[in-house]
Protein backbone atom coordinates (compact mmCIF):
# COMPACT_ATOMS: atom_id res chain seq x y z
CA UNK A 1 2.35 -12.12 19.84
CA UNK A 2 -0.80 -9.69 19.15
CA UNK A 3 -1.41 -8.36 15.96
CA UNK A 4 -0.78 -4.50 15.33
CA UNK A 5 -2.71 -2.90 13.08
CA UNK A 6 -0.41 -0.44 12.28
CA UNK A 7 2.55 -3.08 10.69
CA UNK A 8 0.89 -2.72 7.57
CA UNK A 9 2.68 -2.86 4.03
CA UNK A 10 1.75 0.94 3.39
CA UNK A 11 4.09 1.77 6.77
CA UNK A 12 6.62 -0.28 5.99
CA UNK A 13 10.55 0.83 4.97
CA UNK A 14 10.50 -2.34 2.77
CA UNK A 15 7.75 -1.13 0.41
CA UNK A 16 9.24 0.84 -2.53
CA UNK A 17 7.07 2.16 -5.09
CA UNK A 18 8.18 1.18 -8.74
CA UNK A 19 5.88 3.19 -10.80
CA UNK A 20 3.00 5.64 -10.51
CA UNK A 21 1.31 7.69 -12.84
CA UNK A 22 -2.41 8.44 -14.32
CA UNK A 23 -3.91 6.14 -17.09
CA UNK A 24 -5.31 9.10 -18.82
CA UNK A 25 -3.15 12.25 -18.67
CA UNK A 26 -5.29 15.02 -16.76
CA UNK A 27 -7.69 12.79 -15.09
CA UNK A 28 -7.35 12.61 -11.16
CA UNK A 29 -9.42 9.56 -10.78
CA UNK A 30 -7.02 7.26 -12.97
CA UNK A 31 -4.32 7.86 -10.72
CA UNK A 32 -2.50 4.44 -9.78
CA UNK A 33 0.83 3.03 -8.02
CA UNK A 34 2.68 -0.29 -8.42
CA UNK A 35 4.39 -1.07 -5.21
CA UNK A 36 6.95 -4.05 -4.40
CA UNK A 37 7.96 -5.43 -1.17
CA UNK A 38 11.82 -5.44 -1.43
CA UNK A 39 11.74 -8.54 1.04
CA UNK A 40 9.29 -11.24 -0.60
CA UNK A 41 9.52 -9.64 -4.23
CA UNK A 42 5.66 -9.60 -4.72
CA UNK A 43 4.43 -6.53 -6.46
CA UNK A 44 0.85 -4.72 -6.60
CA UNK A 45 -0.74 -2.31 -8.34
CA UNK A 46 -3.02 0.24 -6.48
CA UNK A 47 -5.79 2.41 -8.66
CA UNK A 48 -6.88 5.36 -6.80
CA UNK A 49 -10.51 5.93 -8.33
CA UNK A 50 -12.19 8.57 -5.96
CA UNK A 51 -14.74 6.68 -4.41
CA UNK A 52 -15.79 5.69 -1.12
CA UNK A 53 -16.28 1.96 -1.41
CA UNK A 54 -12.68 0.68 -1.83
CA UNK A 55 -12.41 2.61 1.77
CA UNK A 56 -15.05 0.47 3.22
CA UNK A 57 -13.78 -2.84 1.63
CA UNK A 58 -10.08 -2.05 3.37
CA UNK A 59 -11.87 -1.19 6.63
CA UNK A 60 -13.43 -4.61 6.58
CA UNK A 61 -9.94 -6.48 6.09
CA UNK A 62 -8.45 -8.36 9.06
CA UNK A 63 -5.34 -6.77 10.59
CA UNK A 64 -2.15 -7.92 8.91
CA UNK A 65 1.08 -8.36 11.02
CA UNK A 66 4.03 -9.03 8.63
CA UNK A 67 6.87 -10.81 10.76
CA UNK A 68 9.51 -8.77 8.52
CA UNK A 69 8.00 -5.43 9.16
CA UNK A 70 10.02 -2.44 9.68
CA UNK A 71 9.30 0.94 10.89
CA UNK A 72 10.98 4.02 9.52
CA UNK A 73 13.34 5.96 11.47
CA UNK A 74 14.42 9.57 11.29
CA UNK A 75 17.53 10.54 9.18
C-alpha cells in the first residue's frame, strides 16, 4: 500500500485533545496542547511557538501512515 501523506494523526478521529492552554496567560507564544491517541494510548505535547523553524522541521519528516487511521465523517 502506498503511503498517503494525509493519514496523519492531526486529521485522525482517534486523536483527542486532553489539555490545552498557555504557560503564561496573555502570551500567545506560550500556547500548548496535549493530545492522546485513543487506539494506541500514547500522548504528546505540542508547544506552538510562533517560529517558522518547527514548520521547516515538520516538512522534512517522512510521511506517516497509521494502519488504524480513521477519517472524520460528517454528522
